Amino acid sequence: MKDKYEVGYGKPPKASRFGNRPQPDRSSKSEPANEAAIDLAAAINGLIPVTHNGKATRMHPHEAAMHGLMKNALRGNLRAMKEIFSECKKAGLLEAPPAQLTSGAIFAPKGVPIELAARLVRIVGPPPWDNEILEIFWSEYERDCENIERLAEKARQDEKTK
């Protein structure tokens, strides 16, 4: 009875029991010769075809990903919302804008010449100005005015002598 071996459920034939069958040769697979290697940088920076607003167009992969994220975020996907906010933070879109003037007009204090006020705005910023700073710039302005007057007088005298 030992020599007799039954073949059946859970008892495969002895000849093919433990991988004795010829297996396909998987090690000899290689790339076809006509297929070129992928240029990863070109693939990342190149445009990809997408359908946007029902029209076929080409977009940068990052832009396409952002459109997809926004679409998912608007549908209520919390992970997509978190990723959108993360991208906005990286781009500096969530920072408060710098303080801006409320109107397009700047009013200088009474008695300050417009040339002096313009110089103060360029160098120091919009009014109100510190009295110390105003005095420093005022004295410089008066010296400049005296020099300009002297040069103008000299030019008039040079014209008379010609």
C-alpha atoms as a PDB file:
ATOM      1  CA  MET A   1       0.000   0.000   0.000  1.00  0.00           C
ATOM      2  CA  LYS A   2       2.910   2.308   0.518  1.00  0.00           C
ATOM      3  CA  ASP A   3       3.713   2.350  -3.185  1.00  0.00           C
ATOM      4  CA  LYS A   4       0.217   3.253  -4.188  1.00  0.00           C
ATOM      5  CA  TYR A   5      -0.352   7.016  -4.036  1.00  0.00           C
ATOM      6  CA  GLU A   6      -3.795   8.455  -4.550  1.00  0.00           C
ATOM      7  CA  VAL A   7      -4.228  11.660  -6.534  1.00  0.00           C
ATOM      8  CA  GLY A   8      -7.099  13.882  -5.448  1.00  0.00           C
ATOM      9  CA  TYR A   9      -8.103  16.950  -3.468  1.00  0.00           C
ATOM     10  CA  GLY A  10      -4.999  18.241  -1.646  1.00  0.00           C
ATOM     11  CA  LYS A  11      -2.886  15.444  -3.189  1.00  0.00           C
ATOM     12  CA  PRO A  12      -1.304  16.586  -6.474  1.00  0.00           C
ATOM     13  CA  PRO A  13       0.640  14.179  -8.660  1.00  0.00           C
ATOM     14  CA  LYS A  14       4.188  13.598  -7.367  1.00  0.00           C
ATOM     15  CA  ALA A  15       5.797  14.608 -10.677  1.00  0.00           C
ATOM     16  CA  SER A  16       4.456  18.147 -10.510  1.00  0.00           C
ATOM     17  CA  ARG A  17       4.018  18.586  -6.802  1.00  0.00           C
ATOM     18  CA  PHE A  18       6.598  21.216  -5.710  1.00  0.00           C
ATOM     19  CA  GLY A  19       7.242  23.494  -8.671  1.00  0.00           C
ATOM     20  CA  ASN A  20       8.620  20.874 -10.965  1.00  0.00           C
ATOM     21  CA  ARG A  21       6.757  22.424 -13.879  1.00  0.00           C
ATOM     22  CA  PRO A  22       8.768  24.634 -16.236  1.00  0.00           C
ATOM     23  CA  GLN A  23       8.302  28.286 -15.287  1.00  0.00           C
ATOM     24  CA  PRO A  24       8.313  31.200 -17.738  1.00  0.00           C
ATOM     25  CA  ASP A  25      11.619  33.066 -18.029  1.00  0.00           C
ATOM     26  CA  ARG A  26      10.933  36.430 -16.343  1.00  0.00           C
ATOM     27  CA  SER A  27      14.535  37.609 -16.126  1.00  0.00           C
ATOM     28  CA  SER A  28      14.994  38.154 -19.850  1.00  0.00           C
ATOM     29  CA  LYS A  29      12.415  40.953 -20.190  1.00  0.00           C
ATOM     30  CA  SER A  30      13.983  44.170 -21.415  1.00  0.00           C
ATOM     31  CA  GLU A  31      12.858  47.535 -22.788  1.00  0.00           C
ATOM     32  CA  PRO A  32      12.032  47.623 -26.450  1.00  0.00           C
ATOM     33  CA  ALA A  33      14.879  49.254 -28.371  1.00  0.00           C
ATOM     34  CA  ASN A  34      12.662  51.946 -29.905  1.00  0.00           C
ATOM     35  CA  GLU A  35      11.406  53.254 -26.536  1.00  0.00           C
ATOM     36  CA  ALA A  36      13.488  56.197 -25.238  1.00  0.00           C
ATOM     37  CA  ALA A  37      14.108  56.940 -21.558  1.00  0.00           C
ATOM     38  CA  ILE A  38      11.678  59.458 -20.013  1.00  0.00           C
ATOM     39  CA  ASP A  39      13.057  62.954 -19.408  1.00  0.00           C
ATOM     40  CA  LEU A  40      11.732  63.560 -15.883  1.00  0.00           C
ATOM     41  CA  ALA A  41      12.484  67.309 -15.845  1.00  0.00           C
ATOM     42  CA  ALA A  42      10.618  67.800 -19.130  1.00  0.00           C
ATOM     43  CA  ALA A  43       7.689  65.776 -17.827  1.00  0.00           C
ATOM     44  CA  ILE A  44       7.463  67.862 -14.642  1.00  0.00           C
ATOM     45  CA  ASN A  45       7.865  71.254 -16.341  1.00  0.00           C
ATOM     46  CA  GLY A  46       5.968  70.437 -19.527  1.00  0.00           C
ATOM     47  CA  LEU A  47       2.297  71.012 -20.171  1.00  0.00           C
ATOM     48  CA  ILE A  48      -0.154  68.145 -19.834  1.00  0.00           C
ATOM     49  CA  PRO A  49      -3.494  67.766 -21.615  1.00  0.00           C
ATOM     50  CA  VAL A  50      -6.512  68.322 -19.324  1.00  0.00           C
ATOM     51  CA  THR A  51     -10.189  69.095 -19.662  1.00  0.00           C
ATOM     52  CA  HIS A  52     -11.008  72.377 -17.942  1.00  0.00           C
ATOM     53  CA  ASN A  53     -14.533  73.855 -17.997  1.00  0.00           C
ATOM     54  CA  GLY A  54     -15.489  71.300 -20.636  1.00  0.00           C
ATOM     55  CA  LYS A  55     -12.696  72.286 -23.017  1.00  0.00           C
ATOM     56  CA  ALA A  56      -9.518  70.374 -23.811  1.00  0.00           C
ATOM     57  CA  THR A  57      -6.505  72.484 -22.873  1.00  0.00           C
ATOM     58  CA  ARG A  58      -2.911  72.092 -21.701  1.00  0.00           C
ATOM     59  CA  MET A  59      -1.727  73.078 -18.209  1.00  0.00           C
ATOM     60  CA  HIS A  60       1.358  72.880 -16.050  1.00  0.00           C
ATOM     61  CA  PRO A  61       1.067  69.809 -13.785  1.00  0.00           C
ATOM     62  CA  HIS A  62       1.115  71.942 -10.619  1.00  0.00           C
ATOM     63  CA  GLU A  63      -1.702  74.136 -11.943  1.00  0.00           C
ATOM     64  CA  ALA A  64      -3.739  71.045 -12.865  1.00  0.00           C
ATOM     65  CA  ALA A  65      -3.163  69.616  -9.380  1.00  0.00           C
ATOM     66  CA  MET A  66      -4.293  72.892  -7.783  1.00  0.00           C
ATOM     67  CA  HIS A  67      -7.479  72.894  -9.899  1.00  0.00           C
ATOM     68  CA  GLY A  68      -8.192  69.337  -8.769  1.00  0.00           C
ATOM     69  CA  LEU A  69      -7.499  70.194  -5.131  1.00  0.00           C
ATOM     70  CA  MET A  70      -9.772  73.230  -5.288  1.00  0.00           C
ATOM     71  CA  LYS A  71     -12.526  71.171  -6.878  1.00  0.00           C
ATOM     72  CA  ASN A  72     -12.281  68.586  -4.082  1.00  0.00           C
ATOM     73  CA  ALA A  73     -12.062  71.279  -1.394  1.00  0.00           C
ATOM     74  CA  LEU A  74     -15.234  72.936  -2.697  1.00  0.00           C
ATOM     75  CA  ARG A  75     -16.978  69.567  -2.495  1.00  0.00           C
ATOM     76  CA  GLY A  76     -16.148  69.447   1.215  1.00  0.00           C
ATOM     77  CA  ASN A  77     -13.050  67.251   1.285  1.00  0.00           C
ATOM     78  CA  LEU A  78     -11.217  68.372   4.446  1.00  0.00           C
ATOM     79  CA  ARG A  79      -7.845  66.954   3.389  1.00  0.00           C
ATOM     80  CA  ALA A  80      -8.046  68.933   0.121  1.00  0.00           C
ATOM     81  CA  MET A  81      -8.970  72.103   2.055  1.00  0.00           C
ATOM     82  CA  LYS A  82      -5.974  71.635   4.343  1.00  0.00           C
ATOM     83  CA  GLU A  83      -3.667  71.137   1.340  1.00  0.00           C
ATOM     84  CA  ILE A  84      -5.052  74.265  -0.401  1.00  0.00           C
ATOM     85  CA  PHE A  85      -4.411  76.351   2.726  1.00  0.00           C
ATOM     86  CA  SER A  86      -0.926  74.870   3.000  1.00  0.00           C
ATOM     87  CA  GLU A  87      -0.151  75.847  -0.621  1.00  0.00           C
ATOM     88  CA  CYS A  88      -1.583  79.345  -0.072  1.00  0.00           C
ATOM     89  CA  LYS A  89       0.593  79.755   3.024  1.00  0.00           C
ATOM     90  CA  LYS A  90       3.706  78.672   1.068  1.00  0.00           C
ATOM     91  CA  ALA A  91       2.881  81.238  -1.625  1.00  0.00           C
ATOM     92  CA  GLY A  92       2.382  83.993   0.987  1.00  0.00           C
ATOM     93  CA  LEU A  93      -1.279  84.500   0.102  1.00  0.00           C
ATOM     94  CA  LEU A  94      -2.508  84.303   3.698  1.00  0.00           C
ATOM     95  CA  GLU A  95      -0.333  87.122   5.038  1.00  0.00           C
ATOM     96  CA  ALA A  96      -1.954  90.475   5.689  1.00  0.00           C
ATOM     97  CA  PRO A  97      -1.152  93.084   3.060  1.00  0.00           C
ATOM     98  CA  PRO A  98       1.146  95.913   4.148  1.00  0.00           C
ATOM     99  CA  ALA A  99      -0.575  98.893   5.719  1.00  0.00           C
ATOM    100  CA  GLN A 100      -1.710 101.234   2.998  1.00  0.00           C
ATOM    101  CA  LEU A 101      -2.959 104.750   3.026  1.00  0.00           C
ATOM    102  CA  THR A 102      -6.712 105.086   3.167  1.00  0.00           C
ATOM    103  CA  SER A 103      -6.841 107.674   0.415  1.00  0.00           C
ATOM    104  CA  GLY A 104      -4.714 108.908  -2.442  1.00  0.00           C
ATOM    105  CA  ALA A 105      -4.141 112.324  -0.891  1.00  0.00           C
ATOM    106  CA  ILE A 106      -1.535 113.274   1.700  1.00  0.00           C
ATOM    107  CA  PHE A 107      -2.100 116.382   3.753  1.00  0.00           C
ATOM    108  CA  ALA A 108       1.007 118.138   5.027  1.00  0.00           C
ATOM    109  CA  PRO A 109       0.878 120.288   8.161  1.00  0.00           C
ATOM    110  CA  LYS A 110       0.184 123.989   7.624  1.00  0.00           C
ATOM    111  CA  GLY A 111       3.192 126.048   6.704  1.00  0.00           C
ATOM    112  CA  VAL A 112       5.249 123.107   5.350  1.00  0.00           C
ATOM    113  CA  PRO A 113       6.248 123.775   1.717  1.00  0.00           C
ATOM    114  CA  ILE A 114       5.165 121.111  -0.766  1.00  0.00           C
ATOM    115  CA  GLU A 115       8.779 120.333  -1.778  1.00  0.00           C
ATOM    116  CA  LEU A 116       9.734 119.689   1.836  1.00  0.00           C
ATOM    117  CA  ALA A 117       6.596 117.609   2.417  1.00  0.00           C
ATOM    118  CA  ALA A 118       7.349 115.501  -0.688  1.00  0.00           C
ATOM    119  CA  ARG A 119      10.906 114.861   0.524  1.00  0.00           C
ATOM    120  CA  LEU A 120       9.676 113.896   3.997  1.00  0.00           C
ATOM    121  CA  VAL A 121       7.116 111.481   2.528  1.00  0.00           C
ATOM    122  CA  ARG A 122       9.790 109.833   0.352  1.00  0.00           C
ATOM    123  CA  ILE A 123      12.334 109.464   3.163  1.00  0.00           C
ATOM    124  CA  VAL A 124      10.375 109.258   6.430  1.00  0.00           C
ATOM    125  CA  GLY A 125       6.878 108.275   5.324  1.00  0.00           C
ATOM    126  CA  PRO A 126       3.471 109.932   5.475  1.00  0.00           C
ATOM    127  CA  PRO A 127       2.630 112.503   8.172  1.00  0.00           C
ATOM    128  CA  PRO A 128       2.403 113.059  11.110  1.00  0.00           C
ATOM    129  CA  TRP A 129       6.141 113.673  11.497  1.00  0.00           C
ATOM    130  CA  ASP A 130       8.162 114.025  14.667  1.00  0.00           C
ATOM    131  CA  ASN A 131       9.071 117.650  15.525  1.00  0.00           C
ATOM    132  CA  GLU A 132      12.783 116.757  15.701  1.00  0.00           C
ATOM    133  CA  ILE A 133      12.735 115.200  12.224  1.00  0.00           C
ATOM    134  CA  LEU A 134      10.716 118.112  10.854  1.00  0.00           C
ATOM    135  CA  GLU A 135      13.272 120.613  12.264  1.00  0.00           C
ATOM    136  CA  ILE A 136      16.231 118.718  10.754  1.00  0.00           C
ATOM    137  CA  PHE A 137      14.635 118.555   7.315  1.00  0.00           C
ATOM    138  CA  TRP A 138      13.368 122.157   7.555  1.00  0.00           C
ATOM    139  CA  SER A 139      16.865 123.520   8.231  1.00  0.00           C
ATOM    140  CA  GLU A 140      18.230 121.442   5.325  1.00  0.00           C
ATOM    141  CA  TYR A 141      15.410 122.739   3.097  1.00  0.00           C
ATOM    142  CA  GLU A 142      16.178 126.369   4.019  1.00  0.00           C
ATOM    143  CA  ARG A 143      19.908 125.854   3.250  1.00  0.00           C
ATOM    144  CA  ASP A 144      19.003 124.337  -0.111  1.00  0.00           C
ATOM    145  CA  CYS A 145      16.662 127.262  -0.872  1.00  0.00           C
ATOM    146  CA  GLU A 146      19.435 129.773  -0.037  1.00  0.00           C
ATOM    147  CA  ASN A 147      21.889 127.889  -2.281  1.00  0.00           C
ATOM    148  CA  ILE A 148      19.367 127.808  -5.117  1.00  0.00           C
ATOM    149  CA  GLU A 149      18.718 131.556  -4.719  1.00  0.00           C
ATOM    150  CA  ARG A 150      22.481 132.266  -4.749  1.00  0.00           C
ATOM    151  CA  LEU A 151      22.956 130.154  -7.885  1.00  0.00           C
ATOM    152  CA  ALA A 152      19.999 131.837  -9.589  1.00  0.00           C
ATOM    153  CA  GLU A 153      21.403 135.283  -8.744  1.00  0.00           C
ATOM    154  CA  LYS A 154      24.795 134.252 -10.099  1.00  0.00           C
ATOM    155  CA  ALA A 155      23.171 132.990 -13.332  1.00  0.00           C
ATOM    156  CA  ARG A 156      21.323 136.344 -13.727  1.00  0.00           C
ATOM    157  CA  GLN A 157      24.548 138.268 -13.280  1.00  0.00           C
ATOM    158  CA  ASP A 158      26.350 136.034 -15.807  1.00  0.00           C
ATOM    159  CA  GLU A 159      23.564 136.718 -18.328  1.00  0.00           C
ATOM    160  CA  LYS A 160      23.875 140.497 -17.836  1.00  0.00           C
ATOM    161  CA  THR A 161      27.637 140.386 -18.429  1.00  0.00           C
ATOM    162  CA  LYS A 162      27.328 138.506 -21.723  1.00  0.00           C
END
